[in-house]
PDB file of N, CA and C in Angstrom:
ATOM      1  N   MET A   1      77.152  16.777   8.966  1.00  0.00           N
ATOM      2  CA  MET A   1      78.088  15.752   9.392  1.00  0.00           C
ATOM      3  C   MET A   1      78.253  15.829  10.909  1.00  0.00           C
ATOM      4  N   ALA A   2      78.387  14.709  11.537  1.00  0.00           N
ATOM      5  CA  ALA A   2      78.590  14.653  12.989  1.00  0.00           C
ATOM      6  C   ALA A   2      79.926  15.303  13.335  1.00  0.00           C
ATOM      7  N   SER A   3      80.055  15.718  14.579  1.00  0.00           N
ATOM      8  CA  SER A   3      81.316  16.342  14.984  1.00  0.00           C
ATOM      9  C   SER A   3      82.458  15.345  14.841  1.00  0.00           C
ATOM     10  N   ALA A   4      83.609  15.865  14.471  1.00  0.00           N
ATOM     11  CA  ALA A   4      84.766  15.003  14.231  1.00  0.00           C
ATOM     12  C   ALA A   4      85.651  14.972  15.466  1.00  0.00           C
ATOM     13  N   GLU A   5      86.184  13.813  15.723  1.00  0.00           N
ATOM     14  CA  GLU A   5      87.130  13.630  16.823  1.00  0.00           C
ATOM     15  C   GLU A   5      88.452  13.190  16.212  1.00  0.00           C
ATOM     16  N   LYS A   6      89.502  13.858  16.545  1.00  0.00           N
ATOM     17  CA  LYS A   6      90.804  13.537  15.974  1.00  0.00           C
ATOM     18  C   LYS A   6      91.395  12.314  16.670  1.00  0.00           C
ATOM     19  N   ARG A   7      91.881  11.372  15.868  1.00  0.00           N
ATOM     20  CA  ARG A   7      92.524  10.155  16.368  1.00  0.00           C
ATOM     21  C   ARG A   7      93.822   9.940  15.608  1.00  0.00           C
ATOM     22  N   THR A   8      94.714   9.183  16.187  1.00  0.00           N
ATOM     23  CA  THR A   8      95.964   8.829  15.523  1.00  0.00           C
ATOM     24  C   THR A   8      96.065   7.312  15.489  1.00  0.00           C
ATOM     25  N   PHE A   9      96.385   6.777  14.292  1.00  0.00           N
ATOM     26  CA  PHE A   9      96.499   5.334  14.118  1.00  0.00           C
ATOM     27  C   PHE A   9      97.802   5.008  13.417  1.00  0.00           C
ATOM     28  N   SER A  10      98.319   3.846  13.703  1.00  0.00           N
ATOM     29  CA  SER A  10      99.468   3.317  12.966  1.00  0.00           C
ATOM     30  C   SER A  10      98.940   2.276  11.998  1.00  0.00           C
ATOM     31  N   LEU A  11      99.342   2.391  10.740  1.00  0.00           N
ATOM     32  CA  LEU A  11      98.880   1.468   9.708  1.00  0.00           C
ATOM     33  C   LEU A  11     100.074   0.855   8.997  1.00  0.00           C
ATOM     34  N   PRO A  12      99.913  -0.375   8.513  1.00  0.00           N
ATOM     35  CA  PRO A  12     100.978  -0.976   7.709  1.00  0.00           C
ATOM     36  C   PRO A  12     101.154  -0.184   6.408  1.00  0.00           C
ATOM     37  N   SER A  13     102.316  -0.277   5.823  1.00  0.00           N
ATOM     38  CA  SER A  13     102.621   0.506   4.623  1.00  0.00           C
ATOM     39  C   SER A  13     101.674   0.202   3.466  1.00  0.00           C
ATOM     40  N   GLU A  14     101.198  -1.038   3.349  1.00  0.00           N
ATOM     41  CA  GLU A  14     100.276  -1.343   2.241  1.00  0.00           C
ATOM     42  C   GLU A  14      98.948  -0.599   2.408  1.00  0.00           C
ATOM     43  N   HIS A  15      98.521  -0.382   3.653  1.00  0.00           N
ATOM     44  CA  HIS A  15      97.286   0.378   3.877  1.00  0.00           C
ATOM     45  C   HIS A  15      97.494   1.864   3.597  1.00  0.00           C
ATOM     46  N   THR A  16      98.619   2.399   4.035  1.00  0.00           N
ATOM     47  CA  THR A  16      98.869   3.821   3.766  1.00  0.00           C
ATOM     48  C   THR A  16      99.038   4.061   2.269  1.00  0.00           C
ATOM     49  N   ALA A  17      99.666   3.126   1.568  1.00  0.00           N
ATOM     50  CA  ALA A  17      99.811   3.252   0.113  1.00  0.00           C
ATOM     51  C   ALA A  17      98.443   3.222  -0.559  1.00  0.00           C
ATOM     52  N   PHE A  18      97.553   2.378  -0.080  1.00  0.00           N
ATOM     53  CA  PHE A  18      96.202   2.294  -0.633  1.00  0.00           C
ATOM     54  C   PHE A  18      95.460   3.613  -0.427  1.00  0.00           C
ATOM     55  N   ILE A  19      95.564   4.164   0.778  1.00  0.00           N
ATOM     56  CA  ILE A  19      94.918   5.447   1.074  1.00  0.00           C
ATOM     57  C   ILE A  19      95.483   6.531   0.159  1.00  0.00           C
ATOM     58  N   ASP A  20      96.800   6.593   0.054  1.00  0.00           N
ATOM     59  CA  ASP A  20      97.440   7.598  -0.800  1.00  0.00           C
ATOM     60  C   ASP A  20      97.010   7.449  -2.257  1.00  0.00           C
ATOM     61  N   GLU A  21      96.885   6.212  -2.716  1.00  0.00           N
ATOM     62  CA  GLU A  21      96.459   5.944  -4.092  1.00  0.00           C
ATOM     63  C   GLU A  21      95.042   6.468  -4.327  1.00  0.00           C
ATOM     64  N   LYS A  22      94.150   6.226  -3.369  1.00  0.00           N
ATOM     65  CA  LYS A  22      92.765   6.684  -3.504  1.00  0.00           C
ATOM     66  C   LYS A  22      92.686   8.206  -3.545  1.00  0.00           C
ATOM     67  N   VAL A  23      93.498   8.859  -2.723  1.00  0.00           N
ATOM     68  CA  VAL A  23      93.501  10.328  -2.694  1.00  0.00           C
ATOM     69  C   VAL A  23      94.119  10.879  -3.982  1.00  0.00           C
ATOM     70  N   SER A  24      95.263  10.327  -4.394  1.00  0.00           N
ATOM     71  CA  SER A  24      95.929  10.848  -5.596  1.00  0.00           C
ATOM     72  C   SER A  24      95.123  10.588  -6.865  1.00  0.00           C
ATOM     73  N   SER A  25      94.274   9.560  -6.859  1.00  0.00           N
ATOM     74  CA  SER A  25      93.433   9.287  -8.030  1.00  0.00           C
ATOM     75  C   SER A  25      92.285  10.287  -8.144  1.00  0.00           C
ATOM     76  N   GLY A  26      92.041  11.022  -7.067  1.00  0.00           N
ATOM     77  CA  GLY A  26      90.938  11.976  -7.069  1.00  0.00           C
ATOM     78  C   GLY A  26      89.628  11.388  -6.584  1.00  0.00           C
ATOM     79  N   ALA A  27      89.633  10.099  -6.253  1.00  0.00           N
ATOM     80  CA  ALA A  27      88.400   9.459  -5.773  1.00  0.00           C
ATOM     81  C   ALA A  27      87.985  10.011  -4.410  1.00  0.00           C
ATOM     82  N   TYR A  28      88.957  10.449  -3.627  1.00  0.00           N
ATOM     83  CA  TYR A  28      88.700  11.015  -2.299  1.00  0.00           C
ATOM     84  C   TYR A  28      89.548  12.271  -2.135  1.00  0.00           C
ATOM     85  N   ALA A  29      89.038  13.215  -1.371  1.00  0.00           N
ATOM     86  CA  ALA A  29      89.755  14.478  -1.164  1.00  0.00           C
ATOM     87  C   ALA A  29      90.837  14.359  -0.100  1.00  0.00           C
ATOM     88  N   SER A  30      90.702  13.386   0.790  1.00  0.00           N
ATOM     89  CA  SER A  30      91.675  13.261   1.880  1.00  0.00           C
ATOM     90  C   SER A  30      91.732  11.823   2.377  1.00  0.00           C
ATOM     91  N   GLY A  31      92.776  11.545   3.131  1.00  0.00           N
ATOM     92  CA  GLY A  31      92.888  10.230   3.760  1.00  0.00           C
ATOM     93  C   GLY A  31      91.752   9.981   4.728  1.00  0.00           C
ATOM     94  N   SER A  32      91.298  11.027   5.398  1.00  0.00           N
ATOM     95  CA  SER A  32      90.176  10.883   6.332  1.00  0.00           C
ATOM     96  C   SER A  32      88.919  10.410   5.616  1.00  0.00           C
ATOM     97  N   GLU A  33      88.696  10.926   4.396  1.00  0.00           N
ATOM     98  CA  GLU A  33      87.529  10.477   3.628  1.00  0.00           C
ATOM     99  C   GLU A  33      87.637   8.995   3.283  1.00  0.00           C
ATOM    100  N   VAL A  34      88.836   8.548   2.949  1.00  0.00           N
ATOM    101  CA  VAL A  34      89.043   7.127   2.629  1.00  0.00           C
ATOM    102  C   VAL A  34      88.711   6.275   3.852  1.00  0.00           C
ATOM    103  N   ILE A  35      89.213   6.675   5.011  1.00  0.00           N
ATOM    104  CA  ILE A  35      88.959   5.926   6.243  1.00  0.00           C
ATOM    105  C   ILE A  35      87.474   5.926   6.567  1.00  0.00           C
ATOM    106  N   ARG A  36      86.809   7.083   6.433  1.00  0.00           N
ATOM    107  CA  ARG A  36      85.367   7.143   6.714  1.00  0.00           C
ATOM    108  C   ARG A  36      84.588   6.219   5.786  1.00  0.00           C
ATOM    109  N   ALA A  37      84.965   6.209   4.495  1.00  0.00           N
ATOM    110  CA  ALA A  37      84.289   5.324   3.541  1.00  0.00           C
ATOM    111  C   ALA A  37      84.502   3.862   3.919  1.00  0.00           C
ATOM    112  N   GLY A  38      85.710   3.532   4.328  1.00  0.00           N
ATOM    113  CA  GLY A  38      85.988   2.156   4.754  1.00  0.00           C
ATOM    114  C   GLY A  38      85.191   1.765   5.979  1.00  0.00           C
ATOM    115  N   LEU A  39      85.068   2.676   6.927  1.00  0.00           N
ATOM    116  CA  LEU A  39      84.288   2.393   8.139  1.00  0.00           C
ATOM    117  C   LEU A  39      82.804   2.250   7.819  1.00  0.00           C
ATOM    118  N   ARG A  40      82.301   3.101   6.899  1.00  0.00           N
ATOM    119  CA  ARG A  40      80.894   2.962   6.490  1.00  0.00           C
ATOM    120  C   ARG A  40      80.657   1.596   5.846  1.00  0.00           C
ATOM    121  N   ALA A  41      81.585   1.174   4.983  1.00  0.00           N
ATOM    122  CA  ALA A  41      81.454  -0.138   4.338  1.00  0.00           C
ATOM    123  C   ALA A  41      81.477  -1.256   5.373  1.00  0.00           C
ATOM    124  N   LEU A  42      82.339  -1.137   6.371  1.00  0.00           N
ATOM    125  CA  LEU A  42      82.403  -2.134   7.439  1.00  0.00           C
ATOM    126  C   LEU A  42      81.104  -2.161   8.238  1.00  0.00           C
ATOM    127  N   GLN A  43      80.546  -0.985   8.533  1.00  0.00           N
ATOM    128  CA  GLN A  43      79.268  -0.927   9.249  1.00  0.00           C
ATOM    129  C   GLN A  43      78.153  -1.576   8.434  1.00  0.00           C
ATOM    130  N   GLU A  44      78.125  -1.298   7.124  1.00  0.00           N
ATOM    131  CA  GLU A  44      77.104  -1.895   6.256  1.00  0.00           C
ATOM    132  C   GLU A  44      77.252  -3.412   6.201  1.00  0.00           C
ATOM    133  N   ARG A  45      78.492  -3.894   6.097  1.00  0.00           N
ATOM    134  CA  ARG A  45      78.719  -5.340   6.059  1.00  0.00           C
ATOM    135  C   ARG A  45      78.282  -5.995   7.362  1.00  0.00           C
ATOM    136  N   ASP A  46      78.662  -5.387   8.490  1.00  0.00           N
ATOM    137  CA  ASP A  46      78.270  -5.932   9.790  1.00  0.00           C
ATOM    138  C   ASP A  46      76.753  -5.949   9.944  1.00  0.00           C
ATOM    139  N   ALA A  47      76.082  -4.886   9.488  1.00  0.00           N
ATOM    140  CA  ALA A  47      74.619  -4.833   9.564  1.00  0.00           C
ATOM    141  C   ALA A  47      73.998  -5.917   8.688  1.00  0.00           C
ATOM    142  N   ALA A  48      74.571  -6.150   7.507  1.00  0.00           N
ATOM    143  CA  ALA A  48      74.056  -7.194   6.613  1.00  0.00           C
ATOM    144  C   ALA A  48      74.226  -8.576   7.239  1.00  0.00           C
ATOM    145  N   ILE A  49      75.345  -8.818   7.888  1.00  0.00           N
ATOM    146  CA  ILE A  49      75.566 -10.106   8.558  1.00  0.00           C
ATOM    147  C   ILE A  49      74.575 -10.281   9.699  1.00  0.00           C
ATOM    148  N   GLU A  50      74.390  -9.248  10.493  1.00  0.00           N
ATOM    149  CA  GLU A  50      73.417  -9.311  11.599  1.00  0.00           C
ATOM    150  C   GLU A  50      72.012  -9.590  11.072  1.00  0.00           C
ATOM    151  N   ARG A  51      71.636  -8.911   9.974  1.00  0.00           N
ATOM    152  CA  ARG A  51      70.320  -9.118   9.365  1.00  0.00           C
ATOM    153  C   ARG A  51      70.178 -10.562   8.894  1.00  0.00           C
ATOM    154  N   TRP A  52      71.214 -11.091   8.219  1.00  0.00           N
ATOM    155  CA  TRP A  52      71.191 -12.468   7.723  1.00  0.00           C
ATOM    156  C   TRP A  52      71.048 -13.453   8.881  1.00  0.00           C
ATOM    157  N   LEU A  53      71.817 -13.236   9.940  1.00  0.00           N
ATOM    158  CA  LEU A  53      71.714 -14.124  11.102  1.00  0.00           C
ATOM    159  C   LEU A  53      70.309 -14.097  11.686  1.00  0.00           C
ATOM    160  N   ARG A  54      69.778 -12.904  11.855  1.00  0.00           N
ATOM    161  CA  ARG A  54      68.465 -12.739  12.478  1.00  0.00           C
ATOM    162  C   ARG A  54      67.337 -13.262  11.584  1.00  0.00           C
ATOM    163  N   GLU A  55      67.391 -12.966  10.277  1.00  0.00           N
ATOM    164  CA  GLU A  55      66.278 -13.264   9.377  1.00  0.00           C
ATOM    165  C   GLU A  55      66.349 -14.635   8.726  1.00  0.00           C
ATOM    166  N   GLU A  56      67.541 -15.213   8.615  1.00  0.00           N
ATOM    167  CA  GLU A  56      67.657 -16.500   7.932  1.00  0.00           C
ATOM    168  C   GLU A  56      68.218 -17.607   8.814  1.00  0.00           C
ATOM    169  N   VAL A  57      69.312 -17.341   9.492  1.00  0.00           N
ATOM    170  CA  VAL A  57      69.964 -18.399  10.268  1.00  0.00           C
ATOM    171  C   VAL A  57      69.129 -18.797  11.475  1.00  0.00           C
ATOM    172  N   VAL A  58      68.677 -17.832  12.252  1.00  0.00           N
ATOM    173  CA  VAL A  58      67.899 -18.150  13.459  1.00  0.00           C
ATOM    174  C   VAL A  58      66.616 -18.905  13.107  1.00  0.00           C
ATOM    175  N   PRO A  59      65.818 -18.446  12.111  1.00  0.00           N
ATOM    176  CA  PRO A  59      64.623 -19.217  11.772  1.00  0.00           C
ATOM    177  C   PRO A  59      64.942 -20.636  11.283  1.00  0.00           C
ATOM    178  N   ALA A  60      66.019 -20.789  10.506  1.00  0.00           N
ATOM    179  CA  ALA A  60      66.390 -22.130  10.035  1.00  0.00           C
ATOM    180  C   ALA A  60      66.800 -23.014  11.206  1.00  0.00           C
ATOM    181  N   TYR A  61      67.577 -22.462  12.124  1.00  0.00           N
ATOM    182  CA  TYR A  61      67.983 -23.211  13.313  1.00  0.00           C
ATOM    183  C   TYR A  61      66.764 -23.612  14.135  1.00  0.00           C
ATOM    184  N   ASP A  62      65.867 -22.663  14.356  1.00  0.00           N
ATOM    185  CA  ASP A  62      64.660 -22.954  15.136  1.00  0.00           C
ATOM    186  C   ASP A  62      63.812 -24.032  14.471  1.00  0.00           C
ATOM    187  N   ALA A  63      63.697 -23.980  13.132  1.00  0.00           N
ATOM    188  CA  ALA A  63      62.901 -24.971  12.407  1.00  0.00           C
ATOM    189  C   ALA A  63      63.509 -26.363  12.544  1.00  0.00           C
ATOM    190  N   ILE A  64      64.824 -26.462  12.446  1.00  0.00           N
ATOM    191  CA  ILE A  64      65.481 -27.772  12.570  1.00  0.00           C
ATOM    192  C   ILE A  64      65.411 -28.269  14.005  1.00  0.00           C
ATOM    193  N   LYS A  65      65.522 -27.356  14.951  1.00  0.00           N
ATOM    194  CA  LYS A  65      65.427 -27.762  16.350  1.00  0.00           C
ATOM    195  C   LYS A  65      64.023 -28.287  16.661  1.00  0.00           C
ATOM    196  N   THR A  66      63.015 -27.650  16.077  1.00  0.00           N
ATOM    197  CA  THR A  66      61.630 -28.082  16.275  1.00  0.00           C
ATOM    198  C   THR A  66      61.362 -29.408  15.579  1.00  0.00           C
ATOM    199  N   ASP A  67      61.904 -29.573  14.352  1.00  0.00           N
ATOM    200  CA  ASP A  67      61.681 -30.787  13.569  1.00  0.00           C
ATOM    201  C   ASP A  67      63.013 -31.258  12.992  1.00  0.00           C
ATOM    202  N   PRO A  68      63.771 -32.056  13.761  1.00  0.00           N
ATOM    203  CA  PRO A  68      65.101 -32.493  13.317  1.00  0.00           C
ATOM    204  C   PRO A  68      65.107 -33.248  11.984  1.00  0.00           C
ATOM    205  N   SER A  69      63.976 -33.802  11.575  1.00  0.00           N
ATOM    206  CA  SER A  69      63.945 -34.535  10.306  1.00  0.00           C
ATOM    207  C   SER A  69      64.164 -33.601   9.113  1.00  0.00           C
ATOM    208  N   ARG A  70      64.029 -32.288   9.319  1.00  0.00           N
ATOM    209  CA  ARG A  70      64.260 -31.319   8.243  1.00  0.00           C
ATOM    210  C   ARG A  70      65.752 -31.128   7.966  1.00  0.00           C
ATOM    211  N   GLY A  71      66.594 -31.551   8.883  1.00  0.00           N
ATOM    212  CA  GLY A  71      68.036 -31.352   8.745  1.00  0.00           C
ATOM    213  C   GLY A  71      68.679 -32.389   7.848  1.00  0.00           C
ATOM    214  N   ILE A  72      69.937 -32.175   7.543  1.00  0.00           N
ATOM    215  CA  ILE A  72      70.728 -33.110   6.746  1.00  0.00           C
ATOM    216  C   ILE A  72      71.847 -33.608   7.648  1.00  0.00           C
ATOM    217  N   GLU A  73      72.043 -34.919   7.666  1.00  0.00           N
ATOM    218  CA  GLU A  73      73.088 -35.491   8.510  1.00  0.00           C
ATOM    219  C   GLU A  73      74.456 -34.991   8.064  1.00  0.00           C
ATOM    220  N   ALA A  74      75.327 -34.760   9.024  1.00  0.00           N
ATOM    221  CA  ALA A  74      76.663 -34.228   8.742  1.00  0.00           C
ATOM    222  C   ALA A  74      77.424 -35.122   7.768  1.00  0.00           C
ATOM    223  N   GLN A  75      77.318 -36.440   7.924  1.00  0.00           N
ATOM    224  CA  GLN A  75      78.046 -37.348   7.034  1.00  0.00           C
ATOM    225  C   GLN A  75      77.612 -37.161   5.589  1.00  0.00           C
ATOM    226  N   LYS A  76      76.322 -36.942   5.357  1.00  0.00           N
ATOM    227  CA  LYS A  76      75.823 -36.708   3.989  1.00  0.00           C
ATOM    228  C   LYS A  76      76.400 -35.411   3.434  1.00  0.00           C
ATOM    229  N   VAL A  77      76.448 -34.379   4.252  1.00  0.00           N
ATOM    230  CA  VAL A  77      77.016 -33.100   3.809  1.00  0.00           C
ATOM    231  C   VAL A  77      78.480 -33.295   3.417  1.00  0.00           C
ATOM    232  N   PHE A  78      79.254 -33.965   4.257  1.00  0.00           N
ATOM    233  CA  PHE A  78      80.667 -34.194   3.951  1.00  0.00           C
ATOM    234  C   PHE A  78      80.837 -35.048   2.697  1.00  0.00           C
ATOM    235  N   ASP A  79      80.020 -36.099   2.563  1.00  0.00           N
ATOM    236  CA  ASP A  79      80.096 -36.945   1.368  1.00  0.00           C
ATOM    237  C   ASP A  79      79.800 -36.134   0.109  1.00  0.00           C
ATOM    238  N   ASP A  80      78.769 -35.290   0.164  1.00  0.00           N
ATOM    239  CA  ASP A  80      78.414 -34.450  -0.988  1.00  0.00           C
ATOM    240  C   ASP A  80      79.527 -33.456  -1.313  1.00  0.00           C
ATOM    241  N   LEU A  81      80.132 -32.874  -0.281  1.00  0.00           N
ATOM    242  CA  LEU A  81      81.240 -31.939  -0.506  1.00  0.00           C
ATOM    243  C   LEU A  81      82.432 -32.637  -1.151  1.00  0.00           C
ATOM    244  N   ARG A  82      82.748 -33.826  -0.661  1.00  0.00           N
ATOM    245  CA  ARG A  82      83.866 -34.580  -1.247  1.00  0.00           C
ATOM    246  C   ARG A  82      83.586 -34.916  -2.712  1.00  0.00           C
ATOM    247  N   ALA A  83      82.370 -35.333  -3.005  1.00  0.00           N
ATOM    248  CA  ALA A  83      82.005 -35.671  -4.382  1.00  0.00           C
ATOM    249  C   ALA A  83      82.072 -34.425  -5.271  1.00  0.00           C
ATOM    250  N   HIS A  84      81.578 -33.319  -4.770  1.00  0.00           N
ATOM    251  CA  HIS A  84      81.615 -32.066  -5.529  1.00  0.00           C
ATOM    252  C   HIS A  84      83.065 -31.646  -5.792  1.00  0.00           C
ATOM    253  N   HIS A  85      83.899 -31.739  -4.780  1.00  0.00           N
ATOM    254  CA  HIS A  85      85.311 -31.378  -4.915  1.00  0.00           C
ATOM    255  C   HIS A  85      86.008 -32.302  -5.915  1.00  0.00           C
ATOM    256  N   ALA A  86      85.750 -33.589  -5.825  1.00  0.00           N
ATOM    257  CA  ALA A  86      86.367 -34.547  -6.751  1.00  0.00           C
ATOM    258  C   ALA A  86      85.935 -34.253  -8.187  1.00  0.00           C
ATOM    259  N   ALA A  87      84.669 -33.914  -8.380  1.00  0.00           N
ATOM    260  CA  ALA A  87      84.179 -33.596  -9.722  1.00  0.00           C
ATOM    261  C   ALA A  87      84.864 -32.342 -10.267  1.00  0.00           C
ATOM    262  N   ARG A  88      85.061 -31.346  -9.431  1.00  0.00           N
ATOM    263  CA  ARG A  88      85.731 -30.113  -9.873  1.00  0.00           C
ATOM    264  C   ARG A  88      87.192 -30.382 -10.207  1.00  0.00           C
ATOM    265  N   LEU A  89      87.836 -31.222  -9.402  1.00  0.00           N
ATOM    266  CA  LEU A  89      89.227 -31.575  -9.701  1.00  0.00           C
ATOM    267  C   LEU A  89      89.320 -32.311 -11.031  1.00  0.00           C
ATOM    268  N   ALA A  90      88.379 -33.213 -11.278  1.00  0.00           N
ATOM    269  CA  ALA A  90      88.370 -33.971 -12.528  1.00  0.00           C
ATOM    270  C   ALA A  90      88.133 -33.042 -13.722  1.00  0.00           C
ATOM    271  N   ASP A  91      87.275 -32.042 -13.556  1.00  0.00           N
ATOM    272  CA  ASP A  91      86.996 -31.087 -14.636  1.00  0.00           C
ATOM    273  C   ASP A  91      88.202 -30.216 -14.957  1.00  0.00           C
ATOM    274  N   ASN A  92      89.026 -29.946 -13.951  1.00  0.00           N
ATOM    275  CA  ASN A  92      90.181 -29.063 -14.138  1.00  0.00           C
ATOM    276  C   ASN A  92      91.428 -29.789 -14.614  1.00  0.00           C
ATOM    277  N   SER A  93      91.368 -31.109 -14.715  1.00  0.00           N
ATOM    278  CA  SER A  93      92.579 -31.834 -15.133  1.00  0.00           C
ATOM    279  C   SER A  93      92.556 -32.166 -16.596  1.00  0.00           C
TER     280      SER A  93
END
């Protein structure tokens, strides 16, 4: 494990209760372990977003910029969203 550096943070009571719950359940040995696990999850999520942007969003943007006919007009997207939303509302009533 990398060397540890001691820090002090102020957290809202709901976060401290969550940490305490995780420790008392036995899932983690200490509050520090809970925080480390949360930071690892945040790092993984950020890396996944960066990967998605780099591997999917940028190529799609470049393709549409090169050939605008591949894109969908904003009005069509909004019309489709409204129709989809209206259909879901009708199904739920």
